[in-house]
N, C-alpha and C. Protein backbone atom coordinates (compact mmCIF):
# COMPACT_ATOMS: atom_id res chain seq x y z
N UNK A 1 0.89 -1.28 -0.41
CA UNK A 1 0.20 0.12 0.13
C UNK A 1 0.94 1.37 0.33
N UNK A 2 0.48 2.31 -0.73
CA UNK A 2 1.40 3.35 -0.85
C UNK A 2 0.74 4.23 0.84
N UNK A 3 1.70 4.80 0.67
CA UNK A 3 2.04 6.25 1.79
C UNK A 3 0.79 7.41 1.73
N UNK A 4 0.60 7.52 0.85
CA UNK A 4 -0.97 8.50 0.11
C UNK A 4 -1.54 7.64 0.24
N UNK A 5 -2.08 5.95 0.36
CA UNK A 5 -3.11 5.03 0.47
C UNK A 5 -3.46 5.10 1.67
N UNK A 6 -2.85 4.97 2.32
CA UNK A 6 -2.93 4.78 3.54
C UNK A 6 -3.15 5.86 4.91
N UNK A 7 -2.78 7.07 3.85
CA UNK A 7 -2.84 8.93 4.79
C UNK A 7 -3.19 9.53 4.16
N UNK A 8 -4.18 9.33 2.89
CA UNK A 8 -4.97 10.47 2.77
C UNK A 8 -5.01 11.63 3.11
N UNK A 9 -5.15 12.34 4.59
CA UNK A 9 -5.45 12.95 5.14
C UNK A 9 -4.16 14.16 4.92
N UNK A 10 -2.91 12.96 4.76
CA UNK A 10 -1.68 13.89 4.45
C UNK A 10 -0.72 14.04 4.29
N UNK A 11 -1.68 13.69 2.33
CA UNK A 11 -1.45 13.87 0.94
C UNK A 11 -0.48 14.81 0.49
N UNK A 12 -0.98 16.18 0.95
CA UNK A 12 0.04 17.23 0.70
C UNK A 12 1.39 16.85 1.87
N UNK A 13 1.31 17.00 2.38
CA UNK A 13 3.05 16.18 3.14
C UNK A 13 3.78 15.38 2.21
N UNK A 14 2.65 14.46 2.04
CA UNK A 14 3.83 13.23 1.32
C UNK A 14 4.51 13.18 -0.45
N UNK A 15 2.95 14.79 -0.44
CA UNK A 15 3.28 15.19 -2.44
C UNK A 15 4.63 16.05 -2.10
N UNK A 16 4.53 16.96 -0.67
CA UNK A 16 5.49 18.17 -0.66
C UNK A 16 7.00 16.91 -0.74
N UNK A 17 6.78 16.18 0.48
CA UNK A 17 8.14 14.87 0.27
C UNK A 17 8.54 14.62 -1.09
N UNK A 18 7.68 14.32 -1.98
CA UNK A 18 7.81 13.65 -3.36
C UNK A 18 8.45 14.64 -4.49
N UNK A 19 8.19 16.17 -3.87
CA UNK A 19 8.33 17.67 -4.32
C UNK A 19 9.80 17.20 -4.16
N UNK A 20 10.09 16.95 -2.66
CA UNK A 20 10.97 17.69 -2.02
C UNK A 20 12.44 16.90 -3.26
N UNK A 21 12.54 15.46 -2.89
CA UNK A 21 13.24 14.09 -3.81
C UNK A 21 13.22 14.19 -5.50
N UNK A 22 12.60 14.90 -6.01
CA UNK A 22 12.27 15.81 -7.04
C UNK A 22 13.39 16.65 -7.36
N UNK A 23 13.08 17.31 -6.93
CA UNK A 23 14.14 18.64 -6.73
C UNK A 23 14.96 18.66 -6.70
N UNK A 24 15.48 18.00 -5.33
CA UNK A 24 17.11 17.06 -5.24
C UNK A 24 17.60 16.09 -6.21
N UNK A 25 16.83 15.59 -7.02
CA UNK A 25 17.32 14.71 -8.65
C UNK A 25 17.12 15.69 -9.31
N UNK A 26 16.40 16.25 -9.53
CA UNK A 26 16.86 17.85 -10.74
C UNK A 26 18.56 18.73 -10.55
N UNK A 27 18.38 19.02 -9.18
CA UNK A 27 19.30 19.37 -8.92
C UNK A 27 20.68 18.83 -8.56
N UNK A 28 20.45 17.72 -8.42
CA UNK A 28 21.88 16.49 -8.92
C UNK A 28 22.61 16.69 -10.63
N UNK A 29 21.50 16.65 -10.96
CA UNK A 29 21.59 16.60 -12.84
C UNK A 29 22.42 17.92 -13.33
N UNK A 30 21.49 18.59 -12.88
CA UNK A 30 22.12 20.46 -12.56
C UNK A 30 23.76 20.32 -12.51
N UNK A 31 23.67 20.69 -11.07
CA UNK A 31 25.05 20.24 -10.60
C UNK A 31 26.18 19.33 -11.61
N UNK A 32 26.35 18.27 -11.45
CA UNK A 32 27.18 17.31 -12.30
C UNK A 32 26.86 18.17 -13.69
N UNK A 33 25.91 18.81 -14.62
CA UNK A 33 26.30 18.48 -15.68
C UNK A 33 26.99 20.10 -16.13
N UNK A 34 26.21 20.66 -15.35
CA UNK A 34 26.84 22.71 -15.03
C UNK A 34 28.04 22.57 -14.41
N UNK A 35 28.17 22.28 -13.34
CA UNK A 35 30.03 21.76 -13.53
C UNK A 35 30.66 21.12 -14.26
N UNK A 36 30.66 20.60 -14.72
CA UNK A 36 31.75 19.16 -16.12
C UNK A 36 32.24 20.42 -16.79
N UNK A 37 33.29 20.89 -16.74
CA UNK A 37 33.34 22.10 -17.54
C UNK A 37 34.09 21.05 -18.74
N UNK A 38 34.83 19.79 -18.31
CA UNK A 38 35.72 19.41 -19.74
C UNK A 38 34.75 19.39 -20.46
N UNK A 39 33.58 19.38 -20.53
CA UNK A 39 32.21 18.98 -22.11
C UNK A 39 31.43 20.21 -22.32
N UNK A 40 31.84 21.26 -21.76
CA UNK A 40 30.84 22.87 -21.78
C UNK A 40 31.23 23.72 -23.93
N UNK A 41 30.49 23.48 -24.54
CA UNK A 41 30.57 22.94 -25.58
C UNK A 41 30.82 22.39 -26.95
N UNK A 42 30.38 20.85 -26.11
CA UNK A 42 30.41 19.92 -26.68
C UNK A 42 29.25 19.78 -27.93
N UNK A 43 28.25 20.52 -27.94
CA UNK A 43 27.39 20.44 -29.02
C UNK A 43 26.63 22.19 -28.95
N UNK A 44 26.34 21.95 -29.97
CA UNK A 44 25.52 23.40 -29.63
C UNK A 44 24.53 23.75 -29.00
N UNK A 45 23.85 22.64 -28.32
CA UNK A 45 23.07 22.62 -27.67
C UNK A 45 23.83 22.40 -26.28
N UNK A 46 24.52 22.19 -26.07
CA UNK A 46 25.17 22.98 -24.53
C UNK A 46 24.44 24.06 -24.30
N UNK A 47 24.75 25.65 -25.08
CA UNK A 47 24.10 27.09 -24.48
C UNK A 47 22.65 27.08 -23.99
N UNK A 48 21.84 26.17 -24.40
CA UNK A 48 20.77 25.65 -24.47
C UNK A 48 20.68 24.79 -23.00
N UNK A 49 20.98 23.60 -22.59
CA UNK A 49 21.32 22.79 -21.18
C UNK A 49 21.63 23.57 -19.90
N UNK A 50 22.72 24.44 -20.63
CA UNK A 50 22.86 24.81 -18.77
C UNK A 50 22.23 25.70 -18.23
N UNK A 51 21.74 26.40 -18.69
CA UNK A 51 20.52 28.01 -18.74
C UNK A 51 19.20 26.74 -18.08
N UNK A 52 19.38 26.34 -18.60
CA UNK A 52 17.31 25.31 -18.97
C UNK A 52 17.55 24.41 -17.64
N UNK A 53 19.26 23.35 -17.78
CA UNK A 53 19.25 23.04 -15.75
C UNK A 53 19.40 23.70 -14.91
N UNK A 54 19.80 24.78 -14.70
CA UNK A 54 20.32 25.45 -13.62
C UNK A 54 19.51 26.27 -13.36
N UNK A 55 18.16 26.84 -14.28
CA UNK A 55 17.09 28.23 -13.97
C UNK A 55 16.15 26.47 -14.10
N UNK A 56 16.01 25.09 -14.23
CA UNK A 56 14.85 24.68 -13.80
C UNK A 56 15.56 24.17 -11.95
N UNK A 57 16.52 23.81 -11.63
CA UNK A 57 16.63 23.41 -10.64
C UNK A 57 16.30 24.48 -9.74
N UNK A 58 17.10 25.64 -9.89
CA UNK A 58 16.56 27.10 -8.50
C UNK A 58 15.43 27.01 -8.64
N UNK A 59 14.02 27.18 -9.81
CA UNK A 59 12.92 27.20 -9.44
C UNK A 59 12.43 25.85 -8.67
N UNK A 60 12.73 24.64 -8.56
CA UNK A 60 12.35 23.76 -8.05
C UNK A 60 12.66 24.00 -6.99
N UNK A 61 14.07 24.50 -5.92
CA UNK A 61 14.01 25.13 -4.73
C UNK A 61 13.15 26.26 -4.35
N UNK A 62 13.30 26.90 -4.93
CA UNK A 62 12.69 28.80 -5.15
C UNK A 62 11.02 28.48 -4.39
N UNK A 63 10.49 27.39 -5.24
CA UNK A 63 8.83 27.21 -4.94
C UNK A 63 8.87 26.09 -3.99
N UNK A 64 10.09 25.36 -2.86
CA UNK A 64 9.83 24.71 -1.58
C UNK A 64 9.87 26.05 -0.78
N UNK A 65 10.22 27.14 -0.77
CA UNK A 65 9.96 28.54 0.06
C UNK A 65 8.95 29.55 -0.23
N UNK A 66 7.77 28.95 -1.14
CA UNK A 66 6.65 30.11 -1.51
C UNK A 66 6.30 30.52 0.07
N UNK A 67 5.41 31.30 0.24
CA UNK A 67 4.35 31.84 1.29
C UNK A 67 4.32 30.99 1.53
N UNK A 68 3.42 30.66 2.32
CA UNK A 68 1.61 30.21 2.98
C UNK A 68 0.96 30.34 2.28
N UNK A 69 0.39 31.38 1.46
CA UNK A 69 -0.08 31.27 0.27
C UNK A 69 -0.15 32.96 -0.13
N UNK A 70 -0.97 32.74 -1.56
CA UNK A 70 -1.11 33.96 -1.81
C UNK A 70 -2.25 34.03 -2.86
N UNK A 71 -3.07 35.65 -2.45
CA UNK A 71 -3.59 35.96 -2.68
C UNK A 71 -5.05 35.28 -2.10
N UNK A 72 -4.49 34.77 -0.54
CA UNK A 72 -5.70 34.14 -0.04
C UNK A 72 -5.66 32.16 -0.72
N UNK A 73 -4.82 32.43 -1.37
CA UNK A 73 -4.62 30.88 -1.64
C UNK A 73 -3.45 29.83 -1.06
N UNK A 74 -3.25 28.91 -0.63
CA UNK A 74 -2.86 27.87 0.16
C UNK A 74 -1.40 27.66 -0.96
N UNK A 75 -0.57 28.21 -0.58
CA UNK A 75 0.85 27.11 -1.47
C UNK A 75 1.22 26.32 -0.89
N UNK A 76 1.56 25.48 -1.61
CA UNK A 76 2.25 23.98 -1.61
C UNK A 76 3.61 23.95 -1.22
N UNK A 77 3.92 24.59 -0.36
CA UNK A 77 4.83 25.62 0.37
C UNK A 77 5.92 24.42 1.84
N UNK A 78 6.74 24.57 2.05
CA UNK A 78 7.25 24.51 3.28
C UNK A 78 6.58 25.80 3.95
N UNK A 79 6.68 26.81 4.41
CA UNK A 79 5.85 27.90 5.33
C UNK A 79 4.30 26.81 5.46
N UNK A 80 3.92 26.85 4.27
CA UNK A 80 2.61 26.93 4.50
C UNK A 80 2.19 25.35 5.44
N UNK A 81 3.25 24.17 5.02
CA UNK A 81 2.82 22.71 6.13
C UNK A 81 3.68 23.06 7.06
N UNK A 82 4.23 23.87 7.17
CA UNK A 82 5.05 23.87 8.75
C UNK A 82 4.60 24.39 9.92
N UNK A 83 3.23 25.34 9.37
CA UNK A 83 2.28 26.05 10.18
C UNK A 83 1.10 25.09 10.52
N UNK A 84 0.80 24.51 8.93
CA UNK A 84 -0.18 23.31 9.68
C UNK A 84 -0.35 21.89 9.94
N UNK A 85 1.53 21.57 10.40
CA UNK A 85 1.85 21.02 11.14
C UNK A 85 2.48 21.84 13.06
N UNK A 86 1.99 22.56 12.67
CA UNK A 86 2.86 22.98 13.85
C UNK A 86 3.89 23.34 14.24
N UNK A 87 4.51 22.98 13.71
CA UNK A 87 6.13 22.53 13.57
C UNK A 87 6.84 24.28 13.88
N UNK A 88 6.56 25.37 14.00
CA UNK A 88 7.62 26.14 14.03
C UNK A 88 7.88 26.95 14.74
N UNK A 89 8.45 25.83 15.98
CA UNK A 89 9.14 25.79 17.17
C UNK A 89 9.76 24.18 16.67
N UNK A 90 9.86 24.12 16.36
CA UNK A 90 10.44 22.59 16.14
C UNK A 90 11.88 22.51 15.63
N UNK A 91 13.19 22.41 16.29
CA UNK A 91 14.40 22.66 16.54
C UNK A 91 15.09 22.24 14.99
N UNK A 92 14.56 21.30 14.16
CA UNK A 92 14.79 21.36 13.11
C UNK A 92 14.32 22.43 12.32
N UNK A 93 13.32 22.40 11.80
CA UNK A 93 12.70 24.05 11.13
C UNK A 93 13.38 24.75 10.99
N UNK A 94 13.83 25.38 13.05
CA UNK A 94 14.08 26.77 12.82
C UNK A 94 15.79 26.20 12.64
N UNK A 95 16.93 25.33 12.74
CA UNK A 95 17.68 25.02 12.51
C UNK A 95 18.14 25.93 10.58
N UNK A 96 17.19 25.01 9.55
CA UNK A 96 17.59 24.97 8.62
C UNK A 96 17.12 25.90 8.19
N UNK A 97 15.77 26.73 8.60
CA UNK A 97 15.98 27.82 8.63
C UNK A 97 16.15 29.22 8.63
N UNK A 98 17.40 29.02 9.59
CA UNK A 98 18.22 29.56 10.01
C UNK A 98 19.59 29.43 9.38
N UNK A 99 20.38 28.17 9.04
CA UNK A 99 21.13 27.61 8.61
C UNK A 99 21.52 28.06 7.85
N UNK A 100 20.33 27.66 6.62
CA UNK A 100 20.02 28.34 5.29
C UNK A 100 19.35 29.56 4.13
N UNK A 101 19.39 30.37 5.02
CA UNK A 101 18.63 31.69 4.87
C UNK A 101 19.79 32.05 3.56
N UNK A 102 20.86 32.31 3.98
CA UNK A 102 21.37 32.92 2.78
C UNK A 102 21.08 32.10 1.28
N UNK A 103 21.52 30.98 1.24
CA UNK A 103 21.01 29.71 -0.28
C UNK A 103 19.93 30.32 -0.25
N UNK A 104 19.16 30.25 0.61
CA UNK A 104 17.64 29.84 0.09
C UNK A 104 17.08 31.68 -0.46
N UNK A 105 18.22 32.66 0.19
CA UNK A 105 17.66 34.03 -0.38
C UNK A 105 18.59 34.19 -1.31
N UNK A 106 19.56 33.62 -1.88
CA UNK A 106 20.13 33.77 -2.91
C UNK A 106 19.20 33.47 -4.38
N UNK A 107 18.59 31.92 -3.83
CA UNK A 107 17.89 31.08 -4.97
C UNK A 107 16.61 32.12 -5.34
N UNK A 108 16.18 32.56 -3.64
CA UNK A 108 14.15 32.97 -3.94
C UNK A 108 14.86 34.26 -4.69
N UNK A 109 16.09 34.66 -4.84
CA UNK A 109 16.12 35.90 -5.45
C UNK A 109 16.43 35.88 -7.31
N UNK A 110 17.10 34.67 -6.95
CA UNK A 110 17.10 34.17 -8.46
C UNK A 110 16.04 34.55 -9.22
N UNK A 111 14.77 33.60 -8.56
CA UNK A 111 13.97 33.77 -9.39
C UNK A 111 12.85 34.27 -9.28
N UNK A 112 13.02 35.61 -8.18
CA UNK A 112 12.46 36.85 -8.42
C UNK A 112 13.12 37.83 -10.37
N UNK A 113 14.42 37.40 -9.87
CA UNK A 113 14.59 38.43 -10.62
C UNK A 113 14.98 37.74 -12.15
N UNK A 114 15.33 36.86 -12.15
CA UNK A 114 15.54 36.80 -13.45
C UNK A 114 15.15 35.36 -14.11
N UNK A 115 14.50 34.20 -13.81
CA UNK A 115 14.00 32.99 -13.88
C UNK A 115 12.39 33.52 -13.78
N UNK A 116 11.66 34.23 -13.32
CA UNK A 116 10.55 34.54 -13.38
C UNK A 116 10.05 36.13 -14.38
N UNK A 117 11.06 36.59 -14.11
CA UNK A 117 11.24 37.70 -14.58
C UNK A 117 12.49 38.52 -15.64
N UNK A 118 12.21 39.44 -16.02
CA UNK A 118 13.65 39.55 -16.49
C UNK A 118 13.68 41.56 -16.22
N UNK A 119 14.15 41.05 -14.63
CA UNK A 119 14.56 42.02 -13.85
C UNK A 119 15.53 42.79 -14.91
N UNK A 120 15.61 44.49 -15.63
CA UNK A 120 16.70 44.63 -15.56
C UNK A 120 17.88 45.04 -15.39
N UNK A 121 17.52 45.53 -13.98
CA UNK A 121 18.36 46.31 -13.34
C UNK A 121 19.73 44.36 -12.86
N UNK A 122 18.73 43.82 -13.05
CA UNK A 122 19.73 42.06 -12.69
C UNK A 122 20.13 41.76 -13.63
N UNK A 123 20.00 41.92 -14.79
CA UNK A 123 20.63 41.37 -15.77
C UNK A 123 21.54 42.36 -17.36
N UNK A 124 22.66 41.03 -16.97
CA UNK A 124 24.05 41.59 -17.28
C UNK A 124 24.63 42.10 -16.40
N UNK A 125 25.33 43.01 -15.98
CA UNK A 125 25.67 43.72 -14.71
C UNK A 125 27.02 43.47 -13.99
N UNK A 126 27.35 41.77 -14.50
CA UNK A 126 28.16 41.09 -14.61
C UNK A 126 27.86 41.08 -12.58
N UNK A 127 25.89 41.04 -12.47
CA UNK A 127 25.82 40.43 -11.40
C UNK A 127 25.40 39.09 -11.43
N UNK A 128 25.68 37.85 -10.64
CA UNK A 128 25.64 36.01 -10.21
C UNK A 128 24.66 36.17 -10.09
N UNK A 129 23.77 36.09 -9.94
CA UNK A 129 22.20 35.99 -9.60
C UNK A 129 21.58 34.63 -9.32
N UNK A 130 22.00 34.12 -8.04
CA UNK A 130 21.46 32.23 -7.97
C UNK A 130 22.95 31.73 -7.30
N UNK A 131 23.63 32.70 -6.93
CA UNK A 131 25.36 31.62 -6.91
C UNK A 131 24.84 31.67 -5.31
N UNK A 132 25.84 30.57 -4.52
CA UNK A 132 25.66 30.60 -3.52
C UNK A 132 26.63 30.17 -3.42
N UNK A 133 27.86 29.93 -2.08
CA UNK A 133 29.11 29.29 -0.70
C UNK A 133 29.13 27.70 -2.00
N UNK A 134 30.36 27.40 -1.68
CA UNK A 134 30.78 26.55 -2.49
C UNK A 134 30.36 25.11 -1.71
N UNK A 135 29.53 24.08 -1.13
CA UNK A 135 28.89 23.02 -0.06
C UNK A 135 27.44 23.79 0.05
N UNK A 136 27.45 24.76 0.59
CA UNK A 136 25.85 25.69 0.72
C UNK A 136 24.93 24.58 0.62
N UNK A 137 25.45 24.05 -1.08
CA UNK A 137 23.37 23.07 -2.03
C UNK A 137 23.83 21.71 -0.83
N UNK A 138 24.97 21.51 -0.13
CA UNK A 138 24.86 19.99 0.71
C UNK A 138 23.70 20.27 2.00
N UNK A 139 24.55 20.71 2.94
CA UNK A 139 24.39 21.99 3.85
C UNK A 139 22.41 21.77 3.96
N UNK A 140 22.00 22.62 2.53
CA UNK A 140 20.89 22.73 2.25
C UNK A 140 19.89 21.80 2.05
N UNK A 141 20.27 20.50 1.22
CA UNK A 141 19.31 18.98 0.93
C UNK A 141 19.11 18.35 2.43
N UNK A 142 20.68 18.39 3.24
CA UNK A 142 20.48 17.52 3.77
C UNK A 142 20.23 17.87 5.59
N UNK A 143 19.49 19.54 5.50
CA UNK A 143 18.57 20.42 6.67
C UNK A 143 17.76 20.02 6.07
N UNK A 144 17.29 20.35 4.91
CA UNK A 144 15.38 20.15 4.27
C UNK A 144 15.00 18.91 4.74
N UNK A 145 16.13 17.72 4.28
CA UNK A 145 15.34 16.03 4.71
C UNK A 145 15.43 16.25 5.64
N UNK A 146 16.49 16.94 6.94
CA UNK A 146 15.86 16.72 8.92
C UNK A 146 14.19 17.93 8.66
N UNK A 147 14.21 18.51 8.09
CA UNK A 147 13.19 19.28 8.43
C UNK A 147 12.06 18.70 7.97
N UNK A 148 11.66 18.14 6.56
CA UNK A 148 10.76 17.67 5.83
C UNK A 148 10.39 16.51 7.31
N UNK A 149 11.13 15.67 7.14
CA UNK A 149 11.24 14.30 8.11
C UNK A 149 10.31 14.71 9.45
N UNK A 150 11.11 15.43 10.44
CA UNK A 150 10.27 16.24 11.75
C UNK A 150 8.68 16.60 11.19
N UNK A 151 8.10 17.19 10.25
CA UNK A 151 6.31 17.42 9.82
C UNK A 151 6.18 15.53 9.63
N UNK A 152 6.96 14.55 8.79
CA UNK A 152 6.09 13.27 8.90
C UNK A 152 6.40 12.43 9.89
N UNK A 153 7.24 13.20 11.09
CA UNK A 153 6.81 12.52 12.39
C UNK A 153 5.66 13.07 13.06
N UNK A 154 5.85 14.50 12.75
CA UNK A 154 4.48 14.95 13.41
C UNK A 154 3.47 14.95 12.78
N UNK A 155 3.15 14.64 11.78
CA UNK A 155 1.85 13.50 11.20
C UNK A 155 1.79 12.56 11.95
N UNK A 156 2.64 11.63 12.14
CA UNK A 156 3.00 10.21 12.45
C UNK A 156 2.01 9.15 11.12
N UNK A 157 3.02 9.89 10.34
CA UNK A 157 3.41 8.72 8.78
C UNK A 157 4.48 7.74 8.52
N UNK A 158 5.03 8.50 9.11
CA UNK A 158 6.67 7.18 9.81
C UNK A 158 7.60 7.84 8.68
N UNK A 159 9.56 7.11 8.65
CA UNK A 159 10.46 7.86 8.07
C UNK A 159 9.98 8.90 6.56
N UNK A 160 10.75 9.65 6.37
CA UNK A 160 10.55 10.20 4.86
C UNK A 160 11.86 9.96 4.44
N UNK A 161 11.66 9.29 3.26
CA UNK A 161 12.43 8.59 2.50
C UNK A 161 13.67 8.58 2.30
N UNK A 162 14.91 8.41 2.29
CA UNK A 162 16.45 9.49 1.96
C UNK A 162 15.97 9.70 0.43
N UNK A 163 16.89 10.59 0.30
CA UNK A 163 16.39 11.23 -1.30
C UNK A 163 17.32 10.08 -1.78
N UNK A 164 17.25 10.13 -3.38
CA UNK A 164 17.00 8.95 -4.31
C UNK A 164 18.97 9.31 -4.34
N UNK A 165 18.45 7.99 -5.32
CA UNK A 165 20.55 7.02 -4.20
C UNK A 165 20.82 7.89 -6.41
N UNK A 166 19.56 7.42 -7.03
CA UNK A 166 19.44 7.42 -8.49
C UNK A 166 20.29 8.73 -9.00
N UNK A 167 19.91 9.30 -8.49
CA UNK A 167 20.21 10.77 -9.39
C UNK A 167 21.62 10.97 -9.77
N UNK A 168 22.55 10.49 -8.98
CA UNK A 168 23.95 11.07 -9.45
C UNK A 168 24.59 9.80 -10.27
N UNK A 169 24.12 9.31 -10.01
CA UNK A 169 24.31 7.65 -10.51
C UNK A 169 23.79 7.94 -12.30
N UNK A 170 22.27 7.96 -12.34
CA UNK A 170 22.09 9.03 -13.47
C UNK A 170 22.88 10.12 -13.72
N UNK A 171 22.83 11.00 -13.05
CA UNK A 171 23.87 11.76 -13.78
C UNK A 171 24.98 11.44 -14.42
N UNK A 172 25.92 11.23 -13.70
CA UNK A 172 27.12 10.66 -14.72
C UNK A 172 27.22 9.19 -15.81
N UNK A 173 25.89 8.69 -15.91
CA UNK A 173 25.73 7.90 -17.12
C UNK A 173 25.20 8.64 -18.03
N UNK A 174 24.93 9.62 -17.67
CA UNK A 174 24.58 11.26 -19.28
C UNK A 174 26.00 11.98 -19.41
N UNK A 175 26.48 12.39 -17.98
CA UNK A 175 27.57 12.72 -18.78
C UNK A 175 28.60 11.75 -19.01
N UNK A 176 28.65 10.37 -18.72
CA UNK A 176 29.26 9.51 -19.74
C UNK A 176 29.19 9.31 -21.58
N UNK A 177 27.98 9.84 -21.46
CA UNK A 177 27.85 9.83 -22.86
C UNK A 177 27.73 10.75 -23.61
N UNK A 178 27.34 11.90 -22.84
CA UNK A 178 27.84 12.97 -23.43
C UNK A 178 29.62 13.22 -24.03
N UNK A 179 30.52 12.45 -22.71
CA UNK A 179 32.06 12.38 -23.11
C UNK A 179 32.40 11.96 -24.12
N UNK A 180 31.72 10.86 -24.42
CA UNK A 180 31.71 8.91 -25.74
C UNK A 180 31.44 10.36 -27.04
N UNK A 181 30.43 11.04 -26.77
CA UNK A 181 29.91 11.17 -28.02
C UNK A 181 30.78 12.85 -28.01
N UNK A 182 31.42 13.15 -27.56
CA UNK A 182 32.39 14.54 -27.65
C UNK A 182 33.86 13.92 -28.08
N UNK A 183 34.31 13.09 -27.82
CA UNK A 183 35.31 12.21 -28.09
C UNK A 183 35.20 11.95 -29.79
N UNK A 184 34.13 11.16 -30.08
CA UNK A 184 34.08 10.62 -31.36
C UNK A 184 33.17 11.69 -32.07
N UNK A 185 33.72 13.10 -31.71
CA UNK A 185 33.64 14.03 -33.14
C UNK A 185 34.72 14.01 -34.04
């Protein structure tokens, strides 16, 4: 039996956990591809893939941090679920928000300034919107997992599954294909 069938009253939380895992998968692929400098320029499509992967991964992270509601409608966001489950004072949630404030702000600014809008002041001018300190993504995803796991515990639906281990493996397979194609040119 699926978790969503067993706990239909917590479907929003279960789907949020799924979205966080999807976000992890997307970010791992984007990170692996965008950081593989040896393949940059391997094909004309590369000039499309890098920004598409980067922006999509950052957008998925930013969606996690939407406000509780917009225009009177609830958002499927961490803040909404934290409020729903009364987890505002939970140490894992408090630590997550505090420890990742700079990372979250950078990603959310990228969404506001260049992903969802073409903010003229943010375009060009040698500003790097959506950048963050090396390793802060790993801290973010580790503590996001802990915060969402606390929500699962509060809901009484069991442990949050670990992030997918396939994402990194699949990214490496994809890079291997690209490198093989690059060598055969």
